[in-house]
Amino acid sequence: MGERKPVVEFDIMDDDAFEYEYTATNILAAPGIRLASDSLVNLKSEIKFRRWRSADIACKTGCFSMGQNLVDEYYYRPQLWRF
């Protein structure tokens, strides 16, 4: 069975969040909160669960690919359930 990779909530000023592979912030929906996890899938699920309309996701090592561009942080907008 695989290792569990939870999502942890930190204060925005807490540098301990950067010990995790991925971090997410949303200064409009949750000012002062940073989410962190070693699993990008779990992090995106938590963003959707909290019903954030968007988040800025950053990676500790390496970078993300957006088309032919490489970026250190990208804007993520989940598909939220419509009621």
Protein backbone atom coordinates (compact mmCIF):
# COMPACT_ATOMS: atom_id res chain seq x y z
CA MET A 1 0.00 0.00 0.00
CA GLY A 2 1.31 3.50 -0.85
CA GLU A 3 2.34 6.17 1.59
CA ARG A 4 -0.34 8.65 2.59
CA LYS A 5 0.25 12.25 1.48
CA PRO A 6 -2.06 14.57 3.43
CA VAL A 7 -2.76 18.24 2.78
CA VAL A 8 -1.61 20.51 5.60
CA GLU A 9 -2.72 24.08 6.34
CA PHE A 10 -0.14 26.69 7.34
CA ASP A 11 -0.07 30.38 8.12
CA ILE A 12 1.01 32.33 5.04
CA MET A 13 4.15 33.56 6.85
CA ASP A 14 5.18 30.09 8.06
CA ASP A 15 8.18 28.81 6.11
CA ASP A 16 7.52 25.19 7.16
CA ALA A 17 5.08 24.89 4.24
CA PHE A 18 8.01 24.88 1.84
CA GLU A 19 9.17 21.51 3.19
CA TYR A 20 6.36 20.00 1.09
CA GLU A 21 6.63 19.52 -2.67
CA TYR A 22 3.57 21.64 -3.62
CA THR A 23 2.00 24.72 -2.04
CA ALA A 24 -1.16 26.67 -2.87
CA THR A 25 -2.39 30.12 -1.89
CA ASN A 26 -5.52 32.14 -2.52
CA ILE A 27 -5.36 35.63 -1.04
CA LEU A 28 -9.00 36.41 -1.91
CA ALA A 29 -10.78 33.33 -0.54
CA ALA A 30 -8.40 32.54 2.32
CA PRO A 31 -6.08 35.40 3.21
CA GLY A 32 -3.28 34.26 5.46
CA ILE A 33 -3.60 30.53 4.60
CA ARG A 34 -1.22 28.35 2.61
CA LEU A 35 -2.00 24.71 1.79
CA ALA A 36 0.86 22.25 1.29
CA SER A 37 1.19 18.61 0.24
CA ASP A 38 3.57 16.17 -1.39
CA SER A 39 0.75 15.12 -3.73
CA LEU A 40 -0.47 17.50 -6.44
CA VAL A 41 -3.67 15.46 -6.88
CA ASN A 42 -4.50 15.69 -3.16
CA LEU A 43 -3.73 19.42 -3.13
CA LYS A 44 -6.04 20.08 -6.07
CA SER A 45 -8.77 17.98 -4.41
CA GLU A 46 -8.49 20.03 -1.23
CA ILE A 47 -8.73 23.28 -3.20
CA LYS A 48 -11.90 22.00 -4.82
CA PHE A 49 -13.27 20.72 -1.48
CA ARG A 50 -12.78 24.16 0.09
CA ARG A 51 -14.59 25.64 -2.94
CA TRP A 52 -11.78 28.05 -3.77
CA ARG A 53 -12.47 29.53 -7.20
CA SER A 54 -8.76 29.72 -7.96
CA ALA A 55 -5.33 29.15 -6.42
CA ASP A 56 -1.70 29.84 -7.19
CA ILE A 57 0.18 26.54 -7.06
CA ALA A 58 3.95 26.47 -6.66
CA CYS A 59 6.46 23.63 -6.71
CA LYS A 60 9.47 23.29 -4.40
CA THR A 61 11.73 21.62 -6.95
CA GLY A 62 11.62 21.99 -10.70
CA CYS A 63 8.87 23.82 -12.49
CA PHE A 64 5.58 23.32 -14.31
CA SER A 65 4.99 23.26 -18.04
CA MET A 66 2.30 25.50 -19.55
CA GLY A 67 2.36 24.84 -23.24
CA GLN A 68 5.92 25.54 -24.32
CA ASN A 69 6.61 27.80 -21.34
CA LEU A 70 8.16 26.73 -18.04
CA VAL A 71 6.77 28.48 -14.94
CA ASP A 72 7.58 28.29 -11.23
CA GLU A 73 3.97 28.99 -10.21
CA TYR A 74 0.72 28.65 -12.08
CA TYR A 75 -2.87 29.78 -11.75
CA TYR A 76 -5.22 26.84 -11.09
CA ARG A 77 -8.98 27.09 -11.53
CA PRO A 78 -10.91 23.95 -10.55
CA GLN A 79 -14.13 22.78 -12.12
CA LEU A 80 -16.58 23.34 -9.25
CA TRP A 81 -19.90 21.59 -8.93
CA ARG A 82 -22.79 23.65 -10.15
CA PHE A 83 -25.90 23.70 -7.95
